[in-house]
Amino acid sequence: MSELGLSLVLVLLVSTGLFMVTVRLSETLSTAKRNAFAATVMFLGVAYHWLFRDGAAFEQLLSHANLIVLSNWIPIFAMILAGLVWTNTAILKWRRALSVFGLVVASLYSASSPVLGVAPQCEERWDGDVCMQTTPWTCSPASAATLLKAHGIPATEQEMAKLCLTRQGTRWMGLYRGLSLKTEGTGWRVELIHGSIETLRDNEPAILVAELPEDLPNRDEYRRTSGWIPGQQHAVVFIRFLDEDRLVVADPSFGRELWRTDELQTLWTGMAMRLVPRTPVLNSMRNQVAANLR
C-alpha cells in the first residue's frame, strides 16, 4: 500500500476509534451535557473548516507529503458527532441509524476525496524556462514544474498534476504534496509562506496564490487585458524584483510578465510556497537558482 493509502487508513482508523470512545463516553452523560458536547464539536468543526481547511497551519507541526489527507479532520468531527447521535435515545432509533449512516458516508467521502478521480491529461509546452499550463485546471502543476526546473529538478506539468492530485483544480496541500515528493533526496525542502510583499524581497522564487478580488473597482481591466476571473484563484511563480516597484512573474497562462508592486498587492493573497535549502551549508545553492532564472 502506498504512503497516501496508509495515511488515509490512519485517518479512518482514528475516526472510527473516536466514534467508539464517544459512544462509551456519551452513555455516561446527561442529555444536557451530551447536547453541549455536540454543539461544541459542531462549532469546532466549522471553525476548523474556515480557519485550517487548507492544512497550511499543520505544516510546522507535521512536515509530511501527505498532509492533504492527514490534516483533514472533518472525518474525525463527523464520527464524533455520529457517536453522540447514536447514543441520543431522545431520537427515534431509525432516525439515529439514518443520521449515523449519513455522517459515516460524509466522513468516508471527506477522507477519500483528495484521491478520487484522475489527473487531467496535459501536453508538454514550455516558453523558455516557464512551463505553460495546457488545461484550465493545471496552473499549480505547471508553476511547480517551473519552480522545480529553476532548482535543477526536472519535472513536467503532467507529472506534477498526478503528484499534486490535481482534479478540477489543485488543493494547496496537493501542491505541497507534489513538491515534497519531488524534492525527496535532494538538498531542498518545501516551505510555506504567509506574509506581505516584504517576505518576497529576498528574491527567492516562490509559487504565489493570486486572486482578482470580486469587489475591485477596476476588475474589468484585469479581465480584459490578462484574462483574470474575479474570485478564481490562480498560481503564478514569483521570479525576482527588478527594482522597488517592478517584479518578474512567470504566469503559466502567458509566460514571463512584468508586474508592478501595486498589482502584486492587489492580486497576491499572501499565500506562497518556495524551496529552501535543507541545511545552512547549502545556502550557496540559492545563487545557482537565481542564475537559472536570469
C-alpha atoms as a PDB file:
ATOM      1  CA  MET A   1       0.000   0.000   0.000  1.00  0.00           C
ATOM      2  CA  SER A   2       1.246   3.495  -0.845  1.00  0.00           C
ATOM      3  CA  GLU A   3       2.033   6.112   1.804  1.00  0.00           C
ATOM      4  CA  LEU A   4      -1.040   8.021   0.648  1.00  0.00           C
ATOM      5  CA  GLY A   5      -3.182   4.941   1.211  1.00  0.00           C
ATOM      6  CA  LEU A   6      -1.640   4.375   4.639  1.00  0.00           C
ATOM      7  CA  SER A   7      -2.370   7.985   5.579  1.00  0.00           C
ATOM      8  CA  LEU A   8      -5.982   7.523   4.516  1.00  0.00           C
ATOM      9  CA  VAL A   9      -6.290   4.322   6.554  1.00  0.00           C
ATOM     10  CA  LEU A  10      -4.782   6.090   9.579  1.00  0.00           C
ATOM     11  CA  VAL A  11      -7.341   8.907   9.417  1.00  0.00           C
ATOM     12  CA  LEU A  12     -10.198   6.407   9.084  1.00  0.00           C
ATOM     13  CA  LEU A  13      -8.897   4.294  11.981  1.00  0.00           C
ATOM     14  CA  VAL A  14      -8.576   7.338  14.228  1.00  0.00           C
ATOM     15  CA  SER A  15     -12.077   8.460  13.242  1.00  0.00           C
ATOM     16  CA  THR A  16     -13.524   5.010  13.958  1.00  0.00           C
ATOM     17  CA  GLY A  17     -11.716   4.807  17.282  1.00  0.00           C
ATOM     18  CA  LEU A  18     -13.059   8.201  18.341  1.00  0.00           C
ATOM     19  CA  PHE A  19     -16.557   7.089  17.343  1.00  0.00           C
ATOM     20  CA  MET A  20     -16.332   4.138  19.737  1.00  0.00           C
ATOM     21  CA  VAL A  21     -14.791   6.239  22.513  1.00  0.00           C
ATOM     22  CA  THR A  22     -17.528   8.849  22.077  1.00  0.00           C
ATOM     23  CA  VAL A  23     -20.244   6.178  22.290  1.00  0.00           C
ATOM     24  CA  ARG A  24     -18.836   4.902  25.584  1.00  0.00           C
ATOM     25  CA  LEU A  25     -18.399   8.407  26.978  1.00  0.00           C
ATOM     26  CA  SER A  26     -21.777   9.641  25.779  1.00  0.00           C
ATOM     27  CA  GLU A  27     -23.572   6.827  27.603  1.00  0.00           C
ATOM     28  CA  THR A  28     -22.389   8.351  30.891  1.00  0.00           C
ATOM     29  CA  LEU A  29     -23.556  11.891  30.073  1.00  0.00           C
ATOM     30  CA  SER A  30     -26.856  13.554  30.767  1.00  0.00           C
ATOM     31  CA  THR A  31     -28.918  14.801  27.832  1.00  0.00           C
ATOM     32  CA  ALA A  32     -27.897  18.400  28.529  1.00  0.00           C
ATOM     33  CA  LYS A  33     -24.196  17.552  28.642  1.00  0.00           C
ATOM     34  CA  ARG A  34     -24.485  15.420  25.515  1.00  0.00           C
ATOM     35  CA  ASN A  35     -26.147  18.271  23.633  1.00  0.00           C
ATOM     36  CA  ALA A  36     -23.495  20.712  24.835  1.00  0.00           C
ATOM     37  CA  PHE A  37     -20.807  18.276  23.705  1.00  0.00           C
ATOM     38  CA  ALA A  38     -22.424  18.007  20.269  1.00  0.00           C
ATOM     39  CA  ALA A  39     -22.704  21.790  19.938  1.00  0.00           C
ATOM     40  CA  THR A  40     -19.019  22.163  20.846  1.00  0.00           C
ATOM     41  CA  VAL A  41     -17.974  19.570  18.270  1.00  0.00           C
ATOM     42  CA  MET A  42     -20.027  21.290  15.560  1.00  0.00           C
ATOM     43  CA  PHE A  43     -18.546  24.671  16.470  1.00  0.00           C
ATOM     44  CA  LEU A  44     -15.005  23.279  16.349  1.00  0.00           C
ATOM     45  CA  GLY A  45     -15.747  21.574  13.035  1.00  0.00           C
ATOM     46  CA  VAL A  46     -16.976  24.802  11.458  1.00  0.00           C
ATOM     47  CA  ALA A  47     -14.031  26.750  12.906  1.00  0.00           C
ATOM     48  CA  TYR A  48     -11.611  24.161  11.545  1.00  0.00           C
ATOM     49  CA  HIS A  49     -13.232  24.323   8.095  1.00  0.00           C
ATOM     50  CA  TRP A  50     -12.880  28.088   7.836  1.00  0.00           C
ATOM     51  CA  LEU A  51      -9.529  28.543   9.566  1.00  0.00           C
ATOM     52  CA  PHE A  52      -7.486  25.436   8.813  1.00  0.00           C
ATOM     53  CA  ARG A  53      -9.072  23.712   5.816  1.00  0.00           C
ATOM     54  CA  ASP A  54      -6.041  24.342   3.559  1.00  0.00           C
ATOM     55  CA  GLY A  55      -3.866  22.382   6.024  1.00  0.00           C
ATOM     56  CA  ALA A  56      -1.110  25.007   5.988  1.00  0.00           C
ATOM     57  CA  ALA A  57      -1.283  25.509   9.759  1.00  0.00           C
ATOM     58  CA  PHE A  58      -0.243  21.866  10.250  1.00  0.00           C
ATOM     59  CA  GLU A  59       2.921  22.153   8.151  1.00  0.00           C
ATOM     60  CA  GLN A  60       5.031  23.339  11.092  1.00  0.00           C
ATOM     61  CA  LEU A  61       3.772  20.501  13.290  1.00  0.00           C
ATOM     62  CA  LEU A  62       3.792  17.680  10.761  1.00  0.00           C
ATOM     63  CA  SER A  63       6.009  18.178   7.735  1.00  0.00           C
ATOM     64  CA  HIS A  64       4.731  15.282   5.640  1.00  0.00           C
ATOM     65  CA  ALA A  65       3.959  14.959   1.936  1.00  0.00           C
ATOM     66  CA  ASN A  66       0.504  13.560   2.668  1.00  0.00           C
ATOM     67  CA  LEU A  67      -0.738  16.482   4.745  1.00  0.00           C
ATOM     68  CA  ILE A  68      -3.586  16.732   2.234  1.00  0.00           C
ATOM     69  CA  VAL A  69      -5.014  13.647   3.987  1.00  0.00           C
ATOM     70  CA  LEU A  70      -3.505  13.853   7.479  1.00  0.00           C
ATOM     71  CA  SER A  71      -4.577  17.459   8.066  1.00  0.00           C
ATOM     72  CA  ASN A  72      -8.197  16.733   7.122  1.00  0.00           C
ATOM     73  CA  TRP A  73     -10.046  16.449  10.417  1.00  0.00           C
ATOM     74  CA  ILE A  74     -13.561  16.668   9.014  1.00  0.00           C
ATOM     75  CA  PRO A  75     -13.911  12.828   9.207  1.00  0.00           C
ATOM     76  CA  ILE A  76     -12.917  12.991  12.873  1.00  0.00           C
ATOM     77  CA  PHE A  77     -15.515  15.624  13.739  1.00  0.00           C
ATOM     78  CA  ALA A  78     -18.156  13.737  11.727  1.00  0.00           C
ATOM     79  CA  MET A  79     -17.525  10.453  13.546  1.00  0.00           C
ATOM     80  CA  ILE A  80     -17.564  12.080  16.985  1.00  0.00           C
ATOM     81  CA  LEU A  81     -20.956  13.554  16.106  1.00  0.00           C
ATOM     82  CA  ALA A  82     -22.063  10.128  14.899  1.00  0.00           C
ATOM     83  CA  GLY A  83     -21.187   8.679  18.302  1.00  0.00           C
ATOM     84  CA  LEU A  84     -23.207  11.372  20.080  1.00  0.00           C
ATOM     85  CA  VAL A  85     -26.201  10.872  17.804  1.00  0.00           C
ATOM     86  CA  TRP A  86     -26.139   7.100  18.194  1.00  0.00           C
ATOM     87  CA  THR A  87     -26.483   7.297  21.979  1.00  0.00           C
ATOM     88  CA  ASN A  88     -29.161  10.004  21.984  1.00  0.00           C
ATOM     89  CA  THR A  89     -32.205   7.964  22.938  1.00  0.00           C
ATOM     90  CA  ALA A  90     -34.441  11.021  22.608  1.00  0.00           C
ATOM     91  CA  ILE A  91     -34.239  10.429  18.847  1.00  0.00           C
ATOM     92  CA  LEU A  92     -36.140   7.538  17.285  1.00  0.00           C
ATOM     93  CA  LYS A  93     -33.818   4.618  16.565  1.00  0.00           C
ATOM     94  CA  TRP A  94     -34.403   4.600  12.803  1.00  0.00           C
ATOM     95  CA  ARG A  95     -33.647   8.301  12.654  1.00  0.00           C
ATOM     96  CA  ARG A  96     -30.486   7.772  14.670  1.00  0.00           C
ATOM     97  CA  ALA A  97     -29.408   4.999  12.318  1.00  0.00           C
ATOM     98  CA  LEU A  98     -30.108   7.159   9.269  1.00  0.00           C
ATOM     99  CA  SER A  99     -28.222  10.119  10.740  1.00  0.00           C
ATOM    100  CA  VAL A 100     -25.224   7.994  11.706  1.00  0.00           C
ATOM    101  CA  PHE A 101     -25.185   6.427   8.244  1.00  0.00           C
ATOM    102  CA  GLY A 102     -25.136   9.887   6.668  1.00  0.00           C
ATOM    103  CA  LEU A 103     -22.279  11.017   8.921  1.00  0.00           C
ATOM    104  CA  VAL A 104     -20.274   7.876   8.157  1.00  0.00           C
ATOM    105  CA  VAL A 105     -20.728   8.406   4.413  1.00  0.00           C
ATOM    106  CA  ALA A 106     -19.726  12.067   4.798  1.00  0.00           C
ATOM    107  CA  SER A 107     -16.650  11.015   6.775  1.00  0.00           C
ATOM    108  CA  LEU A 108     -15.592   8.456   4.167  1.00  0.00           C
ATOM    109  CA  TYR A 109     -16.117  10.889   1.300  1.00  0.00           C
ATOM    110  CA  SER A 110     -14.238  13.715   3.007  1.00  0.00           C
ATOM    111  CA  ALA A 111     -11.283  11.470   3.823  1.00  0.00           C
ATOM    112  CA  SER A 112     -11.036   9.935   0.356  1.00  0.00           C
ATOM    113  CA  SER A 113     -11.992  12.956  -1.790  1.00  0.00           C
ATOM    114  CA  PRO A 114      -8.358  14.003  -2.490  1.00  0.00           C
ATOM    115  CA  VAL A 115      -7.650  10.666  -4.195  1.00  0.00           C
ATOM    116  CA  LEU A 116     -10.910  10.277  -6.116  1.00  0.00           C
ATOM    117  CA  GLY A 117     -10.828  10.802  -9.864  1.00  0.00           C
ATOM    118  CA  VAL A 118      -7.809  11.130 -12.155  1.00  0.00           C
ATOM    119  CA  ALA A 119      -5.467  13.950 -13.096  1.00  0.00           C
ATOM    120  CA  PRO A 120      -6.249  15.812 -16.342  1.00  0.00           C
ATOM    121  CA  GLN A 121      -4.292  14.908 -19.460  1.00  0.00           C
ATOM    122  CA  CYS A 122      -1.616  17.524 -20.115  1.00  0.00           C
ATOM    123  CA  GLU A 123       0.645  18.328 -23.026  1.00  0.00           C
ATOM    124  CA  GLU A 124       4.302  19.335 -22.737  1.00  0.00           C
ATOM    125  CA  ARG A 125       4.756  23.000 -23.559  1.00  0.00           C
ATOM    126  CA  TRP A 126       7.440  25.383 -22.332  1.00  0.00           C
ATOM    127  CA  ASP A 127       8.097  29.024 -23.058  1.00  0.00           C
ATOM    128  CA  GLY A 128      11.790  29.235 -22.290  1.00  0.00           C
ATOM    129  CA  ASP A 129      12.110  28.330 -18.608  1.00  0.00           C
ATOM    130  CA  VAL A 130       8.367  28.674 -17.935  1.00  0.00           C
ATOM    131  CA  CYS A 131       6.133  25.594 -18.006  1.00  0.00           C
ATOM    132  CA  MET A 132       2.855  26.574 -19.663  1.00  0.00           C
ATOM    133  CA  GLN A 133      -0.434  25.153 -18.437  1.00  0.00           C
ATOM    134  CA  THR A 134      -2.232  23.161 -21.119  1.00  0.00           C
ATOM    135  CA  THR A 135      -5.553  22.648 -19.317  1.00  0.00           C
ATOM    136  CA  PRO A 136      -7.806  25.064 -17.406  1.00  0.00           C
ATOM    137  CA  TRP A 137      -7.051  23.248 -14.123  1.00  0.00           C
ATOM    138  CA  THR A 138      -3.271  22.877 -14.069  1.00  0.00           C
ATOM    139  CA  CYS A 139      -1.812  26.287 -13.253  1.00  0.00           C
ATOM    140  CA  SER A 140      -0.396  24.884  -9.994  1.00  0.00           C
ATOM    141  CA  PRO A 141       1.303  21.810 -11.532  1.00  0.00           C
ATOM    142  CA  ALA A 142       2.755  23.974 -14.311  1.00  0.00           C
ATOM    143  CA  SER A 143       4.023  26.512 -11.763  1.00  0.00           C
ATOM    144  CA  ALA A 144       5.511  23.667  -9.727  1.00  0.00           C
ATOM    145  CA  ALA A 145       7.389  22.390 -12.789  1.00  0.00           C
ATOM    146  CA  THR A 146       8.757  25.905 -13.389  1.00  0.00           C
ATOM    147  CA  LEU A 147       9.918  26.241  -9.780  1.00  0.00           C
ATOM    148  CA  LEU A 148      11.495  22.789  -9.760  1.00  0.00           C
ATOM    149  CA  LYS A 149      13.373  23.399 -13.012  1.00  0.00           C
ATOM    150  CA  ALA A 150      14.856  26.564 -11.524  1.00  0.00           C
ATOM    151  CA  HIS A 151      16.221  24.420  -8.694  1.00  0.00           C
ATOM    152  CA  GLY A 152      17.730  21.858 -11.054  1.00  0.00           C
ATOM    153  CA  ILE A 153      14.964  19.279 -10.602  1.00  0.00           C
ATOM    154  CA  PRO A 154      13.357  18.173 -13.889  1.00  0.00           C
ATOM    155  CA  ALA A 155       9.566  17.920 -13.877  1.00  0.00           C
ATOM    156  CA  THR A 156       6.624  18.129 -16.270  1.00  0.00           C
ATOM    157  CA  GLU A 157       3.119  19.515 -15.972  1.00  0.00           C
ATOM    158  CA  GLN A 158       1.662  16.009 -16.329  1.00  0.00           C
ATOM    159  CA  GLU A 159       3.910  14.522 -13.651  1.00  0.00           C
ATOM    160  CA  MET A 160       3.119  17.305 -11.216  1.00  0.00           C
ATOM    161  CA  ALA A 161      -0.621  17.092 -11.930  1.00  0.00           C
ATOM    162  CA  LYS A 162      -0.507  13.462 -10.796  1.00  0.00           C
ATOM    163  CA  LEU A 163       1.677  14.090  -7.750  1.00  0.00           C
ATOM    164  CA  CYS A 164      -0.374  17.144  -6.700  1.00  0.00           C
ATOM    165  CA  LEU A 165      -3.619  15.130  -7.010  1.00  0.00           C
ATOM    166  CA  THR A 166      -4.979  17.735  -9.414  1.00  0.00           C
ATOM    167  CA  ARG A 167      -8.552  17.208 -10.499  1.00  0.00           C
ATOM    168  CA  GLN A 168     -10.640  20.246 -11.448  1.00  0.00           C
ATOM    169  CA  GLY A 169      -8.047  22.397  -9.764  1.00  0.00           C
ATOM    170  CA  THR A 170      -5.296  21.750  -7.236  1.00  0.00           C
ATOM    171  CA  ARG A 171      -5.622  21.978  -3.475  1.00  0.00           C
ATOM    172  CA  TRP A 172      -2.960  23.912  -1.600  1.00  0.00           C
ATOM    173  CA  MET A 173      -1.843  20.811   0.267  1.00  0.00           C
ATOM    174  CA  GLY A 174      -1.909  18.900  -3.010  1.00  0.00           C
ATOM    175  CA  LEU A 175       0.707  21.299  -4.357  1.00  0.00           C
ATOM    176  CA  TYR A 176       2.658  20.837  -1.120  1.00  0.00           C
ATOM    177  CA  ARG A 177       2.489  17.075  -1.642  1.00  0.00           C
ATOM    178  CA  GLY A 178       3.770  17.254  -5.200  1.00  0.00           C
ATOM    179  CA  LEU A 179       6.711  19.495  -4.340  1.00  0.00           C
ATOM    180  CA  SER A 180       7.555  17.444  -1.239  1.00  0.00           C
ATOM    181  CA  LEU A 181       7.682  14.205  -3.222  1.00  0.00           C
ATOM    182  CA  LYS A 182       9.802  15.741  -5.988  1.00  0.00           C
ATOM    183  CA  THR A 183      12.342  17.174  -3.537  1.00  0.00           C
ATOM    184  CA  GLU A 184      12.835  13.946  -1.579  1.00  0.00           C
ATOM    185  CA  GLY A 185      16.504  13.023  -1.639  1.00  0.00           C
ATOM    186  CA  THR A 186      17.560  16.493  -2.790  1.00  0.00           C
ATOM    187  CA  GLY A 187      19.079  19.432  -0.954  1.00  0.00           C
ATOM    188  CA  TRP A 188      15.741  21.255  -0.979  1.00  0.00           C
ATOM    189  CA  ARG A 189      12.608  21.193   1.143  1.00  0.00           C
ATOM    190  CA  VAL A 190       9.238  22.916   0.816  1.00  0.00           C
ATOM    191  CA  GLU A 191       8.450  25.990   2.898  1.00  0.00           C
ATOM    192  CA  LEU A 192       5.069  27.682   3.196  1.00  0.00           C
ATOM    193  CA  ILE A 193       4.828  31.456   3.395  1.00  0.00           C
ATOM    194  CA  HIS A 194       2.064  33.627   4.786  1.00  0.00           C
ATOM    195  CA  GLY A 195       3.102  37.229   4.633  1.00  0.00           C
ATOM    196  CA  SER A 196       3.389  40.550   2.919  1.00  0.00           C
ATOM    197  CA  ILE A 197       5.344  41.714  -0.108  1.00  0.00           C
ATOM    198  CA  GLU A 198       8.367  42.275   2.137  1.00  0.00           C
ATOM    199  CA  THR A 199       8.676  38.498   2.606  1.00  0.00           C
ATOM    200  CA  LEU A 200       9.497  38.249  -1.110  1.00  0.00           C
ATOM    201  CA  ARG A 201      12.203  40.915  -1.067  1.00  0.00           C
ATOM    202  CA  ASP A 202      14.972  38.339  -0.661  1.00  0.00           C
ATOM    203  CA  ASN A 203      14.252  37.438  -4.300  1.00  0.00           C
ATOM    204  CA  GLU A 204      13.816  33.711  -3.726  1.00  0.00           C
ATOM    205  CA  PRO A 205      11.467  32.211  -6.358  1.00  0.00           C
ATOM    206  CA  ALA A 206       8.098  31.146  -4.973  1.00  0.00           C
ATOM    207  CA  ILE A 207       4.713  29.941  -6.166  1.00  0.00           C
ATOM    208  CA  LEU A 208       2.116  32.565  -5.316  1.00  0.00           C
ATOM    209  CA  VAL A 209      -1.614  32.094  -4.913  1.00  0.00           C
ATOM    210  CA  ALA A 210      -3.182  35.020  -6.742  1.00  0.00           C
ATOM    211  CA  GLU A 211      -6.816  36.049  -6.974  1.00  0.00           C
ATOM    212  CA  LEU A 212      -8.633  39.000  -8.505  1.00  0.00           C
ATOM    213  CA  PRO A 213     -10.900  40.446  -5.767  1.00  0.00           C
ATOM    214  CA  GLU A 214     -14.547  40.440  -6.793  1.00  0.00           C
ATOM    215  CA  ASP A 215     -15.065  43.895  -5.294  1.00  0.00           C
ATOM    216  CA  LEU A 216     -12.098  45.527  -7.069  1.00  0.00           C
ATOM    217  CA  PRO A 217     -13.358  48.681  -8.858  1.00  0.00           C
ATOM    218  CA  ASN A 218     -11.160  48.165 -11.945  1.00  0.00           C
ATOM    219  CA  ARG A 219     -11.526  44.370 -12.115  1.00  0.00           C
ATOM    220  CA  ASP A 220     -12.851  44.558 -15.703  1.00  0.00           C
ATOM    221  CA  GLU A 221      -9.485  45.922 -16.822  1.00  0.00           C
ATOM    222  CA  TYR A 222      -7.735  42.841 -15.416  1.00  0.00           C
ATOM    223  CA  ARG A 223     -10.273  40.581 -17.110  1.00  0.00           C
ATOM    224  CA  ARG A 224      -9.872  42.295 -20.459  1.00  0.00           C
ATOM    225  CA  THR A 225      -6.073  42.559 -20.543  1.00  0.00           C
ATOM    226  CA  SER A 226      -4.973  39.405 -18.695  1.00  0.00           C
ATOM    227  CA  GLY A 227      -7.981  37.092 -18.534  1.00  0.00           C
ATOM    228  CA  TRP A 228      -8.320  37.195 -14.745  1.00  0.00           C
ATOM    229  CA  ILE A 229     -11.628  35.850 -13.416  1.00  0.00           C
ATOM    230  CA  PRO A 230     -12.834  37.577 -10.216  1.00  0.00           C
ATOM    231  CA  GLY A 231     -12.845  35.218  -7.233  1.00  0.00           C
ATOM    232  CA  GLN A 232     -10.945  32.435  -9.020  1.00  0.00           C
ATOM    233  CA  GLN A 233      -7.516  31.583  -7.645  1.00  0.00           C
ATOM    234  CA  HIS A 234      -4.544  31.227  -9.971  1.00  0.00           C
ATOM    235  CA  ALA A 235      -0.970  30.066  -9.350  1.00  0.00           C
ATOM    236  CA  VAL A 236       2.000  32.030 -10.689  1.00  0.00           C
ATOM    237  CA  VAL A 237       5.727  31.952  -9.950  1.00  0.00           C
ATOM    238  CA  PHE A 238       7.427  34.988  -8.473  1.00  0.00           C
ATOM    239  CA  ILE A 239      10.891  35.270 -10.034  1.00  0.00           C
ATOM    240  CA  ARG A 240      12.531  38.407  -8.655  1.00  0.00           C
ATOM    241  CA  PHE A 241      12.207  42.138  -8.106  1.00  0.00           C
ATOM    242  CA  LEU A 242      13.838  44.309 -10.743  1.00  0.00           C
ATOM    243  CA  ASP A 243      13.622  47.372  -8.533  1.00  0.00           C
ATOM    244  CA  GLU A 244      11.409  48.797  -5.808  1.00  0.00           C
ATOM    245  CA  ASP A 245       8.292  48.906  -7.980  1.00  0.00           C
ATOM    246  CA  ARG A 246       8.719  46.196 -10.621  1.00  0.00           C
ATOM    247  CA  LEU A 247       8.979  42.420 -10.484  1.00  0.00           C
ATOM    248  CA  VAL A 248       9.141  39.467 -12.860  1.00  0.00           C
ATOM    249  CA  VAL A 249       6.422  36.815 -12.644  1.00  0.00           C
ATOM    250  CA  ALA A 250       6.101  33.548 -14.576  1.00  0.00           C
ATOM    251  CA  ASP A 251       2.410  33.100 -15.367  1.00  0.00           C
ATOM    252  CA  PRO A 252       1.687  29.582 -16.705  1.00  0.00           C
ATOM    253  CA  SER A 253      -1.031  31.093 -18.899  1.00  0.00           C
ATOM    254  CA  PHE A 254       1.076  33.810 -20.553  1.00  0.00           C
ATOM    255  CA  GLY A 255       4.755  33.186 -19.773  1.00  0.00           C
ATOM    256  CA  ARG A 256       7.032  35.801 -18.231  1.00  0.00           C
ATOM    257  CA  GLU A 257       5.319  39.031 -17.256  1.00  0.00           C
ATOM    258  CA  LEU A 258       6.357  42.306 -15.697  1.00  0.00           C
ATOM    259  CA  TRP A 259       4.173  43.264 -12.733  1.00  0.00           C
ATOM    260  CA  ARG A 260       4.066  46.442 -10.722  1.00  0.00           C
ATOM    261  CA  THR A 261       4.195  46.238  -6.955  1.00  0.00           C
ATOM    262  CA  ASP A 262       0.660  47.623  -6.700  1.00  0.00           C
ATOM    263  CA  GLU A 263      -0.563  44.800  -8.963  1.00  0.00           C
ATOM    264  CA  LEU A 264       1.133  42.259  -6.712  1.00  0.00           C
ATOM    265  CA  GLN A 265      -0.511  43.911  -3.718  1.00  0.00           C
ATOM    266  CA  THR A 266      -3.897  43.607  -5.431  1.00  0.00           C
ATOM    267  CA  LEU A 267      -3.625  40.045  -6.722  1.00  0.00           C
ATOM    268  CA  TRP A 268      -1.494  38.138  -4.205  1.00  0.00           C
ATOM    269  CA  THR A 269      -3.451  36.504  -1.375  1.00  0.00           C
ATOM    270  CA  GLY A 270      -0.390  36.362   0.895  1.00  0.00           C
ATOM    271  CA  MET A 271      -0.004  32.587   0.463  1.00  0.00           C
ATOM    272  CA  ALA A 272       3.138  31.253  -1.189  1.00  0.00           C
ATOM    273  CA  MET A 273       5.311  28.165  -1.388  1.00  0.00           C
ATOM    274  CA  ARG A 274       9.032  28.003  -2.083  1.00  0.00           C
ATOM    275  CA  LEU A 275      12.008  25.671  -1.850  1.00  0.00           C
ATOM    276  CA  VAL A 276      14.714  26.335   0.717  1.00  0.00           C
ATOM    277  CA  PRO A 277      17.992  24.506   1.489  1.00  0.00           C
ATOM    278  CA  ARG A 278      17.642  21.668   3.968  1.00  0.00           C
ATOM    279  CA  THR A 279      20.838  22.730   5.760  1.00  0.00           C
ATOM    280  CA  PRO A 280      22.607  26.113   6.098  1.00  0.00           C
ATOM    281  CA  VAL A 281      25.704  24.823   4.292  1.00  0.00           C
ATOM    282  CA  LEU A 282      23.617  24.560   1.126  1.00  0.00           C
ATOM    283  CA  ASN A 283      22.806  28.274   1.016  1.00  0.00           C
ATOM    284  CA  SER A 284      25.259  28.660  -1.870  1.00  0.00           C
ATOM    285  CA  MET A 285      22.738  26.753  -3.996  1.00  0.00           C
ATOM    286  CA  ARG A 286      20.490  29.811  -3.984  1.00  0.00           C
ATOM    287  CA  ASN A 287      22.890  31.684  -6.235  1.00  0.00           C
ATOM    288  CA  GLN A 288      22.587  28.937  -8.835  1.00  0.00           C
ATOM    289  CA  VAL A 289      18.797  29.148  -8.686  1.00  0.00           C
ATOM    290  CA  ALA A 290      18.958  32.882  -9.302  1.00  0.00           C
ATOM    291  CA  ALA A 291      21.251  32.276 -12.262  1.00  0.00           C
ATOM    292  CA  ASN A 292      18.855  29.695 -13.710  1.00  0.00           C
ATOM    293  CA  LEU A 293      16.095  32.301 -13.816  1.00  0.00           C
ATOM    294  CA  ARG A 294      18.035  35.153 -15.405  1.00  0.00           C
END
